[in-house]
Amino acid sequence: MDLPTIQSWLLAWAFTAPRVLVTFALLPVLTEPVLPSTLRNGIILILSMFVLPLTHEQFLNIKPDTLSMLSIMVKEGCWAYCWAIP
């Protein structure tokens, strides 16, 4: 595998993990008193690997420049905030 391919997979994984993290933050069964933080983070990264092929498909059409990555991060932050509001 060449470097741009590895970079695209890692970038997709970096944007997939926060989506799974929001799920863990909202479900009371998966919060801190039940699962220790190290175990919870490991489960989050493993579960995000299952969603990774779908996210990677979406990232193939996006050029990795600063403005597009910043706009994606802001969009994901807004979605996470909207989901966290009860």
PDB file of N, CA and C in Angstrom:
ATOM      1  N   MET A   1       0.844  -1.191   0.000  1.00  0.00           N
ATOM      2  CA  MET A   1       0.000   0.000   0.000  1.00  0.00           C
ATOM      3  C   MET A   1       0.881   1.243   0.000  1.00  0.00           C
ATOM      4  N   ASP A   2       0.455   2.211  -0.740  1.00  0.00           N
ATOM      5  CA  ASP A   2       1.219   3.444  -0.804  1.00  0.00           C
ATOM      6  C   ASP A   2       0.739   4.423   0.279  1.00  0.00           C
ATOM      7  N   LEU A   3       1.493   5.459   0.478  1.00  0.00           N
ATOM      8  CA  LEU A   3       1.235   6.414   1.553  1.00  0.00           C
ATOM      9  C   LEU A   3      -0.116   7.136   1.421  1.00  0.00           C
ATOM     10  N   PRO A   4      -0.531   7.602   0.247  1.00  0.00           N
ATOM     11  CA  PRO A   4      -1.850   8.261   0.169  1.00  0.00           C
ATOM     12  C   PRO A   4      -3.010   7.332   0.524  1.00  0.00           C
ATOM     13  N   THR A   5      -2.890   6.051   0.213  1.00  0.00           N
ATOM     14  CA  THR A   5      -3.945   5.101   0.566  1.00  0.00           C
ATOM     15  C   THR A   5      -4.027   4.933   2.073  1.00  0.00           C
ATOM     16  N   ILE A   6      -2.890   4.776   2.718  1.00  0.00           N
ATOM     17  CA  ILE A   6      -2.862   4.643   4.179  1.00  0.00           C
ATOM     18  C   ILE A   6      -3.380   5.921   4.824  1.00  0.00           C
ATOM     19  N   GLN A   7      -2.989   7.069   4.277  1.00  0.00           N
ATOM     20  CA  GLN A   7      -3.437   8.348   4.824  1.00  0.00           C
ATOM     21  C   GLN A   7      -4.951   8.488   4.708  1.00  0.00           C
ATOM     22  N   SER A   8      -5.537   8.056   3.611  1.00  0.00           N
ATOM     23  CA  SER A   8      -6.988   8.182   3.457  1.00  0.00           C
ATOM     24  C   SER A   8      -7.730   7.268   4.429  1.00  0.00           C
ATOM     25  N   TRP A   9      -7.204   6.064   4.667  1.00  0.00           N
ATOM     26  CA  TRP A   9      -7.852   5.167   5.630  1.00  0.00           C
ATOM     27  C   TRP A   9      -7.745   5.717   7.054  1.00  0.00           C
ATOM     28  N   LEU A  10      -6.583   6.247   7.423  1.00  0.00           N
ATOM     29  CA  LEU A  10      -6.417   6.792   8.770  1.00  0.00           C
ATOM     30  C   LEU A  10      -7.253   8.053   8.978  1.00  0.00           C
ATOM     31  N   LEU A  11      -7.373   8.861   7.946  1.00  0.00           N
ATOM     32  CA  LEU A  11      -8.199  10.056   8.041  1.00  0.00           C
ATOM     33  C   LEU A  11      -9.673   9.689   8.197  1.00  0.00           C
ATOM     34  N   ALA A  12     -10.118   8.694   7.465  1.00  0.00           N
ATOM     35  CA  ALA A  12     -11.500   8.236   7.604  1.00  0.00           C
ATOM     36  C   ALA A  12     -11.743   7.655   9.001  1.00  0.00           C
ATOM     37  N   TRP A  13     -10.756   6.958   9.541  1.00  0.00           N
ATOM     38  CA  TRP A  13     -10.891   6.396  10.890  1.00  0.00           C
ATOM     39  C   TRP A  13     -10.943   7.505  11.934  1.00  0.00           C
ATOM     40  N   ALA A  14     -10.173   8.563  11.721  1.00  0.00           N
ATOM     41  CA  ALA A  14     -10.172   9.691  12.661  1.00  0.00           C
ATOM     42  C   ALA A  14     -11.516  10.404  12.685  1.00  0.00           C
ATOM     43  N   PHE A  15     -12.235  10.405  11.570  1.00  0.00           N
ATOM     44  CA  PHE A  15     -13.547  11.033  11.547  1.00  0.00           C
ATOM     45  C   PHE A  15     -14.671  10.063  11.888  1.00  0.00           C
ATOM     46  N   THR A  16     -14.390   8.766  11.920  1.00  0.00           N
ATOM     47  CA  THR A  16     -15.402   7.768  12.282  1.00  0.00           C
ATOM     48  C   THR A  16     -15.497   7.591  13.786  1.00  0.00           C
ATOM     49  N   ALA A  17     -14.383   7.632  14.473  1.00  0.00           N
ATOM     50  CA  ALA A  17     -14.373   7.389  15.919  1.00  0.00           C
ATOM     51  C   ALA A  17     -15.263   8.364  16.703  1.00  0.00           C
ATOM     52  N   PRO A  18     -15.294   9.671  16.402  1.00  0.00           N
ATOM     53  CA  PRO A  18     -16.189  10.555  17.159  1.00  0.00           C
ATOM     54  C   PRO A  18     -17.668  10.232  16.974  1.00  0.00           C
ATOM     55  N   ARG A  19     -18.049   9.686  15.825  1.00  0.00           N
ATOM     56  CA  ARG A  19     -19.442   9.294  15.625  1.00  0.00           C
ATOM     57  C   ARG A  19     -19.834   8.189  16.590  1.00  0.00           C
ATOM     58  N   VAL A  20     -18.945   7.225  16.775  1.00  0.00           N
ATOM     59  CA  VAL A  20     -19.219   6.134  17.707  1.00  0.00           C
ATOM     60  C   VAL A  20     -19.128   6.641  19.144  1.00  0.00           C
ATOM     61  N   LEU A  21     -18.245   7.585  19.397  1.00  0.00           N
ATOM     62  CA  LEU A  21     -18.087   8.159  20.733  1.00  0.00           C
ATOM     63  C   LEU A  21     -19.361   8.847  21.203  1.00  0.00           C
ATOM     64  N   VAL A  22     -20.064   9.511  20.309  1.00  0.00           N
ATOM     65  CA  VAL A  22     -21.330  10.158  20.663  1.00  0.00           C
ATOM     66  C   VAL A  22     -22.343   9.115  21.119  1.00  0.00           C
ATOM     67  N   THR A  23     -22.375   7.984  20.457  1.00  0.00           N
ATOM     68  CA  THR A  23     -23.284   6.910  20.863  1.00  0.00           C
ATOM     69  C   THR A  23     -22.971   6.444  22.275  1.00  0.00           C
ATOM     70  N   PHE A  24     -21.712   6.290  22.566  1.00  0.00           N
ATOM     71  CA  PHE A  24     -21.322   5.845  23.900  1.00  0.00           C
ATOM     72  C   PHE A  24     -21.608   6.912  24.960  1.00  0.00           C
ATOM     73  N   ALA A  25     -21.548   8.164  24.583  1.00  0.00           N
ATOM     74  CA  ALA A  25     -21.814   9.236  25.544  1.00  0.00           C
ATOM     75  C   ALA A  25     -23.299   9.350  25.856  1.00  0.00           C
ATOM     76  N   LEU A  26     -24.147   8.980  24.909  1.00  0.00           N
ATOM     77  CA  LEU A  26     -25.590   9.143  25.104  1.00  0.00           C
ATOM     78  C   LEU A  26     -26.251   7.947  25.774  1.00  0.00           C
ATOM     79  N   LEU A  27     -25.702   6.753  25.606  1.00  0.00           N
ATOM     80  CA  LEU A  27     -26.304   5.582  26.224  1.00  0.00           C
ATOM     81  C   LEU A  27     -25.808   5.442  27.663  1.00  0.00           C
ATOM     82  N   PRO A  28     -26.695   5.468  28.643  1.00  0.00           N
ATOM     83  CA  PRO A  28     -26.246   5.422  30.040  1.00  0.00           C
ATOM     84  C   PRO A  28     -25.582   4.103  30.430  1.00  0.00           C
ATOM     85  N   VAL A  29     -25.863   3.042  29.700  1.00  0.00           N
ATOM     86  CA  VAL A  29     -25.242   1.755  30.011  1.00  0.00           C
ATOM     87  C   VAL A  29     -23.751   1.771  29.692  1.00  0.00           C
ATOM     88  N   LEU A  30     -23.350   2.630  28.775  1.00  0.00           N
ATOM     89  CA  LEU A  30     -21.969   2.635  28.309  1.00  0.00           C
ATOM     90  C   LEU A  30     -21.153   3.811  28.837  1.00  0.00           C
ATOM     91  N   THR A  31     -21.578   4.421  29.931  1.00  0.00           N
ATOM     92  CA  THR A  31     -20.862   5.572  30.484  1.00  0.00           C
ATOM     93  C   THR A  31     -19.805   5.133  31.488  1.00  0.00           C
ATOM     94  N   GLU A  32     -19.170   6.082  32.112  1.00  0.00           N
ATOM     95  CA  GLU A  32     -18.009   5.864  32.985  1.00  0.00           C
ATOM     96  C   GLU A  32     -18.259   4.917  34.167  1.00  0.00           C
ATOM     97  N   PRO A  33     -19.361   5.012  34.897  1.00  0.00           N
ATOM     98  CA  PRO A  33     -19.501   4.107  36.054  1.00  0.00           C
ATOM     99  C   PRO A  33     -19.563   2.626  35.671  1.00  0.00           C
ATOM    100  N   VAL A  34     -20.043   2.321  34.479  1.00  0.00           N
ATOM    101  CA  VAL A  34     -20.182   0.925  34.072  1.00  0.00           C
ATOM    102  C   VAL A  34     -18.912   0.416  33.395  1.00  0.00           C
ATOM    103  N   LEU A  35     -18.396   1.174  32.448  1.00  0.00           N
ATOM    104  CA  LEU A  35     -17.189   0.787  31.718  1.00  0.00           C
ATOM    105  C   LEU A  35     -16.037   1.721  32.072  1.00  0.00           C
ATOM    106  N   PRO A  36     -14.886   1.179  32.424  1.00  0.00           N
ATOM    107  CA  PRO A  36     -13.722   2.052  32.623  1.00  0.00           C
ATOM    108  C   PRO A  36     -13.351   2.750  31.312  1.00  0.00           C
ATOM    109  N   SER A  37     -12.720   3.898  31.423  1.00  0.00           N
ATOM    110  CA  SER A  37     -12.447   4.706  30.228  1.00  0.00           C
ATOM    111  C   SER A  37     -11.524   4.007  29.232  1.00  0.00           C
ATOM    112  N   THR A  38     -10.549   3.263  29.703  1.00  0.00           N
ATOM    113  CA  THR A  38      -9.639   2.571  28.785  1.00  0.00           C
ATOM    114  C   THR A  38     -10.374   1.509  27.986  1.00  0.00           C
ATOM    115  N   LEU A  39     -11.222   0.758  28.651  1.00  0.00           N
ATOM    116  CA  LEU A  39     -12.002  -0.270  27.965  1.00  0.00           C
ATOM    117  C   LEU A  39     -13.001   0.357  26.997  1.00  0.00           C
ATOM    118  N   ARG A  40     -13.639   1.442  27.421  1.00  0.00           N
ATOM    119  CA  ARG A  40     -14.607   2.132  26.563  1.00  0.00           C
ATOM    120  C   ARG A  40     -13.938   2.678  25.305  1.00  0.00           C
ATOM    121  N   ASN A  41     -12.757   3.270  25.439  1.00  0.00           N
ATOM    122  CA  ASN A  41     -12.050   3.803  24.269  1.00  0.00           C
ATOM    123  C   ASN A  41     -11.621   2.686  23.327  1.00  0.00           C
ATOM    124  N   GLY A  42     -11.220   1.554  23.870  1.00  0.00           N
ATOM    125  CA  GLY A  42     -10.863   0.416  23.024  1.00  0.00           C
ATOM    126  C   GLY A  42     -12.054  -0.110  22.247  1.00  0.00           C
ATOM    127  N   ILE A  43     -13.206  -0.194  22.913  1.00  0.00           N
ATOM    128  CA  ILE A  43     -14.424  -0.652  22.242  1.00  0.00           C
ATOM    129  C   ILE A  43     -14.839   0.352  21.167  1.00  0.00           C
ATOM    130  N   ILE A  44     -14.706   1.636  21.460  1.00  0.00           N
ATOM    131  CA  ILE A  44     -15.056   2.671  20.475  1.00  0.00           C
ATOM    132  C   ILE A  44     -14.193   2.533  19.222  1.00  0.00           C
ATOM    133  N   LEU A  45     -12.898   2.343  19.389  1.00  0.00           N
ATOM    134  CA  LEU A  45     -12.018   2.228  18.220  1.00  0.00           C
ATOM    135  C   LEU A  45     -12.297   0.957  17.430  1.00  0.00           C
ATOM    136  N   ILE A  46     -12.616  -0.142  18.119  1.00  0.00           N
ATOM    137  CA  ILE A  46     -12.925  -1.390  17.420  1.00  0.00           C
ATOM    138  C   ILE A  46     -14.243  -1.264  16.665  1.00  0.00           C
ATOM    139  N   LEU A  47     -15.271  -0.683  17.305  1.00  0.00           N
ATOM    140  CA  LEU A  47     -16.557  -0.512  16.621  1.00  0.00           C
ATOM    141  C   LEU A  47     -16.455   0.460  15.449  1.00  0.00           C
ATOM    142  N   SER A  48     -15.602   1.465  15.574  1.00  0.00           N
ATOM    143  CA  SER A  48     -15.443   2.396  14.455  1.00  0.00           C
ATOM    144  C   SER A  48     -14.749   1.727  13.268  1.00  0.00           C
ATOM    145  N   MET A  49     -14.003   0.657  13.510  1.00  0.00           N
ATOM    146  CA  MET A  49     -13.391  -0.063  12.396  1.00  0.00           C
ATOM    147  C   MET A  49     -14.441  -0.802  11.571  1.00  0.00           C
ATOM    148  N   PHE A  50     -15.572  -1.175  12.185  1.00  0.00           N
ATOM    149  CA  PHE A  50     -16.639  -1.823  11.433  1.00  0.00           C
ATOM    150  C   PHE A  50     -17.343  -0.834  10.500  1.00  0.00           C
ATOM    151  N   VAL A  51     -17.421   0.423  10.890  1.00  0.00           N
ATOM    152  CA  VAL A  51     -18.073   1.450  10.082  1.00  0.00           C
ATOM    153  C   VAL A  51     -17.081   2.077   9.100  1.00  0.00           C
ATOM    154  N   LEU A  52     -15.818   1.813   9.301  1.00  0.00           N
ATOM    155  CA  LEU A  52     -14.756   2.449   8.516  1.00  0.00           C
ATOM    156  C   LEU A  52     -14.888   2.289   7.000  1.00  0.00           C
ATOM    157  N   PRO A  53     -15.251   1.126   6.444  1.00  0.00           N
ATOM    158  CA  PRO A  53     -15.369   1.055   4.978  1.00  0.00           C
ATOM    159  C   PRO A  53     -16.408   2.019   4.407  1.00  0.00           C
ATOM    160  N   LEU A  54     -17.501   2.231   5.121  1.00  0.00           N
ATOM    161  CA  LEU A  54     -18.506   3.175   4.651  1.00  0.00           C
ATOM    162  C   LEU A  54     -17.984   4.607   4.690  1.00  0.00           C
ATOM    163  N   THR A  55     -17.309   4.957   5.755  1.00  0.00           N
ATOM    164  CA  THR A  55     -16.752   6.302   5.875  1.00  0.00           C
ATOM    165  C   THR A  55     -15.637   6.521   4.859  1.00  0.00           C
ATOM    166  N   HIS A  56     -14.827   5.504   4.643  1.00  0.00           N
ATOM    167  CA  HIS A  56     -13.729   5.636   3.683  1.00  0.00           C
ATOM    168  C   HIS A  56     -14.268   5.878   2.284  1.00  0.00           C
ATOM    169  N   GLU A  57     -15.375   5.235   1.942  1.00  0.00           N
ATOM    170  CA  GLU A  57     -15.999   5.476   0.639  1.00  0.00           C
ATOM    171  C   GLU A  57     -16.406   6.935   0.473  1.00  0.00           C
ATOM    172  N   GLN A  58     -16.893   7.531   1.543  1.00  0.00           N
ATOM    173  CA  GLN A  58     -17.288   8.935   1.493  1.00  0.00           C
ATOM    174  C   GLN A  58     -16.080   9.849   1.369  1.00  0.00           C
ATOM    175  N   PHE A  59     -14.954   9.473   1.962  1.00  0.00           N
ATOM    176  CA  PHE A  59     -13.763  10.316   1.954  1.00  0.00           C
ATOM    177  C   PHE A  59     -12.969  10.216   0.664  1.00  0.00           C
ATOM    178  N   LEU A  60     -13.284   9.264  -0.194  1.00  0.00           N
ATOM    179  CA  LEU A  60     -12.535   9.147  -1.445  1.00  0.00           C
ATOM    180  C   LEU A  60     -12.749  10.347  -2.358  1.00  0.00           C
ATOM    181  N   ASN A  61     -13.901  11.001  -2.245  1.00  0.00           N
ATOM    182  CA  ASN A  61     -14.212  12.133  -3.120  1.00  0.00           C
ATOM    183  C   ASN A  61     -13.817  13.480  -2.514  1.00  0.00           C
ATOM    184  N   ILE A  62     -13.259  13.480  -1.329  1.00  0.00           N
ATOM    185  CA  ILE A  62     -12.916  14.726  -0.644  1.00  0.00           C
ATOM    186  C   ILE A  62     -11.410  14.944  -0.726  1.00  0.00           C
ATOM    187  N   LYS A  63     -11.020  16.131  -1.157  1.00  0.00           N
ATOM    188  CA  LYS A  63      -9.601  16.472  -1.177  1.00  0.00           C
ATOM    189  C   LYS A  63      -9.176  16.859   0.244  1.00  0.00           C
ATOM    190  N   PRO A  64      -8.049  16.334   0.720  1.00  0.00           N
ATOM    191  CA  PRO A  64      -7.638  16.620   2.099  1.00  0.00           C
ATOM    192  C   PRO A  64      -6.961  17.978   2.252  1.00  0.00           C
ATOM    193  N   ASP A  65      -7.690  19.063   2.012  1.00  0.00           N
ATOM    194  CA  ASP A  65      -7.130  20.378   2.265  1.00  0.00           C
ATOM    195  C   ASP A  65      -7.678  20.903   3.599  1.00  0.00           C
ATOM    196  N   THR A  66      -7.115  21.957   4.072  1.00  0.00           N
ATOM    197  CA  THR A  66      -7.426  22.466   5.399  1.00  0.00           C
ATOM    198  C   THR A  66      -8.874  22.916   5.522  1.00  0.00           C
ATOM    199  N   LEU A  67      -9.382  23.616   4.538  1.00  0.00           N
ATOM    200  CA  LEU A  67     -10.740  24.134   4.618  1.00  0.00           C
ATOM    201  C   LEU A  67     -11.789  23.027   4.644  1.00  0.00           C
ATOM    202  N   SER A  68     -11.631  22.010   3.813  1.00  0.00           N
ATOM    203  CA  SER A  68     -12.621  20.933   3.809  1.00  0.00           C
ATOM    204  C   SER A  68     -12.553  20.117   5.100  1.00  0.00           C
ATOM    205  N   MET A  69     -11.357  19.854   5.621  1.00  0.00           N
ATOM    206  CA  MET A  69     -11.234  19.101   6.874  1.00  0.00           C
ATOM    207  C   MET A  69     -11.807  19.902   8.045  1.00  0.00           C
ATOM    208  N   LEU A  70     -11.578  21.215   8.055  1.00  0.00           N
ATOM    209  CA  LEU A  70     -12.124  22.056   9.109  1.00  0.00           C
ATOM    210  C   LEU A  70     -13.642  22.093   9.046  1.00  0.00           C
ATOM    211  N   SER A  71     -14.190  22.176   7.842  1.00  0.00           N
ATOM    212  CA  SER A  71     -15.648  22.204   7.719  1.00  0.00           C
ATOM    213  C   SER A  71     -16.264  20.873   8.127  1.00  0.00           C
ATOM    214  N   ILE A  72     -15.606  19.766   7.831  1.00  0.00           N
ATOM    215  CA  ILE A  72     -16.111  18.454   8.267  1.00  0.00           C
ATOM    216  C   ILE A  72     -16.061  18.351   9.784  1.00  0.00           C
ATOM    217  N   MET A  73     -14.988  18.847  10.402  1.00  0.00           N
ATOM    218  CA  MET A  73     -14.883  18.793  11.864  1.00  0.00           C
ATOM    219  C   MET A  73     -15.961  19.643  12.521  1.00  0.00           C
ATOM    220  N   VAL A  74     -16.238  20.815  11.971  1.00  0.00           N
ATOM    221  CA  VAL A  74     -17.298  21.673  12.517  1.00  0.00           C
ATOM    222  C   VAL A  74     -18.653  21.004  12.352  1.00  0.00           C
ATOM    223  N   LYS A  75     -18.889  20.392  11.186  1.00  0.00           N
ATOM    224  CA  LYS A  75     -20.154  19.695  10.943  1.00  0.00           C
ATOM    225  C   LYS A  75     -20.347  18.548  11.935  1.00  0.00           C
ATOM    226  N   GLU A  76     -19.311  17.746  12.146  1.00  0.00           N
ATOM    227  CA  GLU A  76     -19.410  16.627  13.087  1.00  0.00           C
ATOM    228  C   GLU A  76     -19.605  17.134  14.515  1.00  0.00           C
ATOM    229  N   GLY A  77     -18.953  18.233  14.855  1.00  0.00           N
ATOM    230  CA  GLY A  77     -19.150  18.812  16.183  1.00  0.00           C
ATOM    231  C   GLY A  77     -20.561  19.307  16.389  1.00  0.00           C
ATOM    232  N   CYS A  78     -21.140  19.916  15.359  1.00  0.00           N
ATOM    233  CA  CYS A  78     -22.531  20.374  15.457  1.00  0.00           C
ATOM    234  C   CYS A  78     -23.487  19.206  15.586  1.00  0.00           C
ATOM    235  N   TRP A  79     -23.248  18.132  14.818  1.00  0.00           N
ATOM    236  CA  TRP A  79     -24.100  16.949  14.939  1.00  0.00           C
ATOM    237  C   TRP A  79     -23.993  16.340  16.336  1.00  0.00           C
ATOM    238  N   ALA A  80     -22.784  16.256  16.855  1.00  0.00           N
ATOM    239  CA  ALA A  80     -22.606  15.688  18.191  1.00  0.00           C
ATOM    240  C   ALA A  80     -23.306  16.547  19.240  1.00  0.00           C
ATOM    241  N   TYR A  81     -23.230  17.861  19.092  1.00  0.00           N
ATOM    242  CA  TYR A  81     -23.898  18.754  20.030  1.00  0.00           C
ATOM    243  C   TYR A  81     -25.414  18.610  19.930  1.00  0.00           C
ATOM    244  N   CYS A  82     -25.925  18.508  18.710  1.00  0.00           N
ATOM    245  CA  CYS A  82     -27.383  18.359  18.534  1.00  0.00           C
ATOM    246  C   CYS A  82     -27.885  17.043  19.102  1.00  0.00           C
ATOM    247  N   TRP A  83     -27.124  15.993  18.963  1.00  0.00           N
ATOM    248  CA  TRP A  83     -27.533  14.705  19.511  1.00  0.00           C
ATOM    249  C   TRP A  83     -27.438  14.699  21.040  1.00  0.00           C
ATOM    250  N   ALA A  84     -26.560  15.512  21.597  1.00  0.00           N
ATOM    251  CA  ALA A  84     -26.372  15.509  23.051  1.00  0.00           C
ATOM    252  C   ALA A  84     -27.435  16.325  23.782  1.00  0.00           C
ATOM    253  N   ILE A  85     -28.162  17.174  23.078  1.00  0.00           N
ATOM    254  CA  ILE A  85     -29.200  17.970  23.723  1.00  0.00           C
ATOM    255  C   ILE A  85     -30.385  17.063  24.032  1.00  0.00           C
ATOM    256  N   PRO A  86     -30.808  17.013  25.296  1.00  0.00           N
ATOM    257  CA  PRO A  86     -31.934  16.132  25.634  1.00  0.00           C
ATOM    258  C   PRO A  86     -33.262  16.640  25.128  1.00  0.00           C
TER     259      PRO A  86
END
